[in-house]
Amino acid sequence: MGSYVGEAPETFVFTGESGRNLWRGNFNKLVTWPEAVAAVGVPGLHFHDLRHTGNTLASRAPGTSLRDIMA
């Protein structure tokens, strides 16, 4: 898999080998999510949980509004 991400704002960051975006049905297999979760020792961690963590950390930045977080 390549490590290049296009510069356009609508470019997907996580793609499959074909360059197409990942879907729920193929995500775990393509990125070996169960193995990654086991390696960090957090059973039951879902990829979407990272979004919540990221938003929580981003909200702590001085001057960050709820609108900023939603965007």
N, C-alpha and C. Protein backbone atom coordinates (compact mmCIF):
# COMPACT_ATOMS: atom_id res chain seq x y z
N MET A 1 0.84 -1.17 0.00
CA MET A 1 0.00 0.00 0.00
C MET A 1 0.89 1.24 0.00
N GLY A 2 0.54 2.24 -0.77
CA GLY A 2 1.33 3.45 -0.84
C GLY A 2 1.15 4.32 0.38
N SER A 3 2.06 5.23 0.58
CA SER A 3 1.96 6.11 1.74
C SER A 3 1.59 7.53 1.33
N TYR A 4 1.27 7.77 0.08
CA TYR A 4 0.95 9.10 -0.40
C TYR A 4 -0.54 9.39 -0.22
N VAL A 5 -0.82 10.59 0.27
CA VAL A 5 -2.19 11.07 0.37
C VAL A 5 -2.28 12.34 -0.46
N GLY A 6 -3.26 12.43 -1.32
CA GLY A 6 -3.42 13.60 -2.18
C GLY A 6 -3.64 14.88 -1.38
N GLU A 7 -3.44 16.01 -2.03
CA GLU A 7 -3.54 17.29 -1.34
C GLU A 7 -4.94 17.88 -1.32
N ALA A 8 -5.85 17.37 -2.13
CA ALA A 8 -7.21 17.90 -2.17
C ALA A 8 -7.91 17.68 -0.84
N PRO A 9 -8.71 18.64 -0.37
CA PRO A 9 -9.38 18.50 0.93
C PRO A 9 -10.31 17.28 1.01
N GLU A 10 -10.84 16.85 -0.13
CA GLU A 10 -11.76 15.72 -0.10
C GLU A 10 -11.07 14.37 -0.26
N THR A 11 -9.75 14.35 -0.29
CA THR A 11 -8.98 13.12 -0.44
C THR A 11 -9.14 12.25 0.80
N PHE A 12 -9.36 10.97 0.57
CA PHE A 12 -9.45 10.02 1.68
C PHE A 12 -8.06 9.75 2.23
N VAL A 13 -7.94 9.68 3.53
CA VAL A 13 -6.66 9.39 4.18
C VAL A 13 -6.43 7.89 4.22
N PHE A 14 -7.47 7.13 4.52
CA PHE A 14 -7.36 5.68 4.63
C PHE A 14 -8.03 5.05 3.42
N THR A 15 -7.25 4.37 2.62
CA THR A 15 -7.79 3.70 1.44
C THR A 15 -7.29 2.26 1.38
N GLY A 16 -7.97 1.47 0.57
CA GLY A 16 -7.53 0.11 0.34
C GLY A 16 -6.43 0.09 -0.70
N GLU A 17 -5.98 -1.08 -1.05
CA GLU A 17 -4.90 -1.22 -2.02
C GLU A 17 -5.24 -0.63 -3.38
N SER A 18 -6.51 -0.61 -3.72
CA SER A 18 -6.93 -0.06 -5.01
C SER A 18 -7.05 1.46 -4.98
N GLY A 19 -6.86 2.06 -3.81
CA GLY A 19 -7.00 3.51 -3.68
C GLY A 19 -8.41 3.96 -3.38
N ARG A 20 -9.34 3.03 -3.29
CA ARG A 20 -10.72 3.35 -2.98
C ARG A 20 -10.89 3.42 -1.47
N ASN A 21 -11.94 4.16 -1.05
CA ASN A 21 -12.14 4.31 0.39
C ASN A 21 -12.56 3.00 1.05
N LEU A 22 -12.30 2.91 2.34
CA LEU A 22 -12.62 1.72 3.11
C LEU A 22 -14.07 1.79 3.59
N TRP A 23 -14.69 0.65 3.69
CA TRP A 23 -16.05 0.53 4.20
C TRP A 23 -16.02 -0.33 5.44
N ARG A 24 -17.07 -0.23 6.21
CA ARG A 24 -17.16 -1.00 7.45
C ARG A 24 -16.95 -2.49 7.19
N GLY A 25 -17.49 -2.99 6.10
CA GLY A 25 -17.41 -4.41 5.80
C GLY A 25 -16.01 -4.92 5.50
N ASN A 26 -15.10 -4.06 5.05
CA ASN A 26 -13.75 -4.54 4.71
C ASN A 26 -12.66 -3.91 5.57
N PHE A 27 -13.01 -3.01 6.44
CA PHE A 27 -12.02 -2.29 7.24
C PHE A 27 -11.19 -3.21 8.13
N ASN A 28 -11.86 -4.00 8.97
CA ASN A 28 -11.14 -4.85 9.92
C ASN A 28 -10.13 -5.76 9.24
N LYS A 29 -10.53 -6.34 8.12
CA LYS A 29 -9.64 -7.25 7.40
C LYS A 29 -8.47 -6.51 6.78
N LEU A 30 -8.74 -5.38 6.15
CA LEU A 30 -7.69 -4.66 5.43
C LEU A 30 -6.65 -4.04 6.35
N VAL A 31 -7.07 -3.55 7.49
CA VAL A 31 -6.11 -2.88 8.37
C VAL A 31 -5.70 -3.74 9.57
N THR A 32 -6.14 -4.97 9.58
CA THR A 32 -5.86 -5.90 10.69
C THR A 32 -6.17 -5.26 12.05
N TRP A 33 -7.36 -4.67 12.13
CA TRP A 33 -7.79 -3.97 13.35
C TRP A 33 -7.77 -4.87 14.58
N PRO A 34 -8.29 -6.10 14.53
CA PRO A 34 -8.28 -6.93 15.74
C PRO A 34 -6.86 -7.14 16.29
N GLU A 35 -5.90 -7.31 15.41
CA GLU A 35 -4.51 -7.49 15.85
C GLU A 35 -3.97 -6.20 16.48
N ALA A 36 -4.31 -5.07 15.91
CA ALA A 36 -3.86 -3.78 16.47
C ALA A 36 -4.45 -3.54 17.85
N VAL A 37 -5.73 -3.86 18.02
CA VAL A 37 -6.39 -3.70 19.32
C VAL A 37 -5.74 -4.62 20.35
N ALA A 38 -5.45 -5.84 19.96
CA ALA A 38 -4.79 -6.77 20.88
C ALA A 38 -3.40 -6.26 21.27
N ALA A 39 -2.69 -5.66 20.31
CA ALA A 39 -1.34 -5.17 20.57
C ALA A 39 -1.32 -4.01 21.57
N VAL A 40 -2.35 -3.17 21.56
CA VAL A 40 -2.38 -2.05 22.51
C VAL A 40 -3.06 -2.43 23.82
N GLY A 41 -3.67 -3.62 23.85
CA GLY A 41 -4.24 -4.11 25.10
C GLY A 41 -5.53 -3.42 25.53
N VAL A 42 -6.37 -3.03 24.56
CA VAL A 42 -7.64 -2.38 24.88
C VAL A 42 -8.77 -3.20 24.25
N PRO A 43 -9.19 -4.28 24.91
CA PRO A 43 -10.22 -5.12 24.32
C PRO A 43 -11.51 -4.34 24.07
N GLY A 44 -12.16 -4.62 22.96
CA GLY A 44 -13.42 -3.97 22.65
C GLY A 44 -13.30 -2.59 22.03
N LEU A 45 -12.07 -2.16 21.74
CA LEU A 45 -11.88 -0.84 21.13
C LEU A 45 -12.36 -0.86 19.69
N HIS A 46 -13.19 0.10 19.35
CA HIS A 46 -13.68 0.24 17.98
C HIS A 46 -12.99 1.42 17.33
N PHE A 47 -12.84 1.38 16.02
CA PHE A 47 -12.18 2.47 15.32
C PHE A 47 -12.88 3.80 15.59
N HIS A 48 -14.20 3.78 15.66
CA HIS A 48 -14.96 5.01 15.90
C HIS A 48 -14.63 5.63 17.27
N ASP A 49 -14.18 4.81 18.22
CA ASP A 49 -13.78 5.33 19.53
C ASP A 49 -12.65 6.35 19.39
N LEU A 50 -11.81 6.17 18.40
CA LEU A 50 -10.70 7.10 18.18
C LEU A 50 -11.20 8.49 17.82
N ARG A 51 -12.33 8.55 17.13
CA ARG A 51 -12.93 9.84 16.78
C ARG A 51 -13.33 10.59 18.05
N HIS A 52 -13.93 9.89 18.98
CA HIS A 52 -14.34 10.52 20.24
C HIS A 52 -13.12 11.01 21.01
N THR A 53 -12.09 10.20 21.06
CA THR A 53 -10.87 10.60 21.75
C THR A 53 -10.24 11.82 21.08
N GLY A 54 -10.17 11.80 19.76
CA GLY A 54 -9.61 12.93 19.02
C GLY A 54 -10.38 14.20 19.26
N ASN A 55 -11.70 14.11 19.26
CA ASN A 55 -12.52 15.30 19.50
C ASN A 55 -12.36 15.82 20.92
N THR A 56 -12.23 14.92 21.88
CA THR A 56 -12.02 15.33 23.27
C THR A 56 -10.70 16.08 23.40
N LEU A 57 -9.65 15.53 22.80
CA LEU A 57 -8.34 16.19 22.87
C LEU A 57 -8.35 17.52 22.13
N ALA A 58 -9.01 17.58 20.99
CA ALA A 58 -9.08 18.82 20.21
C ALA A 58 -9.85 19.89 20.97
N SER A 59 -10.86 19.50 21.73
CA SER A 59 -11.67 20.49 22.46
C SER A 59 -10.88 21.17 23.57
N ARG A 60 -9.78 20.61 23.96
CA ARG A 60 -8.95 21.19 25.02
C ARG A 60 -8.03 22.30 24.51
N ALA A 61 -7.92 22.43 23.20
CA ALA A 61 -7.05 23.47 22.64
C ALA A 61 -7.68 24.84 22.91
N PRO A 62 -6.88 25.78 23.37
CA PRO A 62 -7.42 27.12 23.67
C PRO A 62 -8.11 27.73 22.45
N GLY A 63 -9.29 28.29 22.69
CA GLY A 63 -10.02 28.98 21.63
C GLY A 63 -10.81 28.07 20.70
N THR A 64 -10.83 26.78 20.97
CA THR A 64 -11.56 25.85 20.11
C THR A 64 -13.04 25.87 20.48
N SER A 65 -13.88 26.05 19.46
CA SER A 65 -15.33 26.08 19.70
C SER A 65 -15.94 24.74 19.31
N LEU A 66 -17.19 24.56 19.71
CA LEU A 66 -17.91 23.36 19.32
C LEU A 66 -18.05 23.30 17.80
N ARG A 67 -18.23 24.43 17.16
CA ARG A 67 -18.33 24.47 15.71
C ARG A 67 -17.02 23.97 15.07
N ASP A 68 -15.88 24.35 15.66
CA ASP A 68 -14.59 23.86 15.16
C ASP A 68 -14.52 22.33 15.25
N ILE A 69 -14.96 21.81 16.37
CA ILE A 69 -14.92 20.36 16.58
C ILE A 69 -15.84 19.66 15.59
N MET A 70 -17.03 20.22 15.37
CA MET A 70 -17.97 19.61 14.43
C MET A 70 -17.42 19.59 13.02
N ALA A 71 -16.69 20.63 12.66
CA ALA A 71 -16.12 20.70 11.31
C ALA A 71 -15.02 19.67 11.15
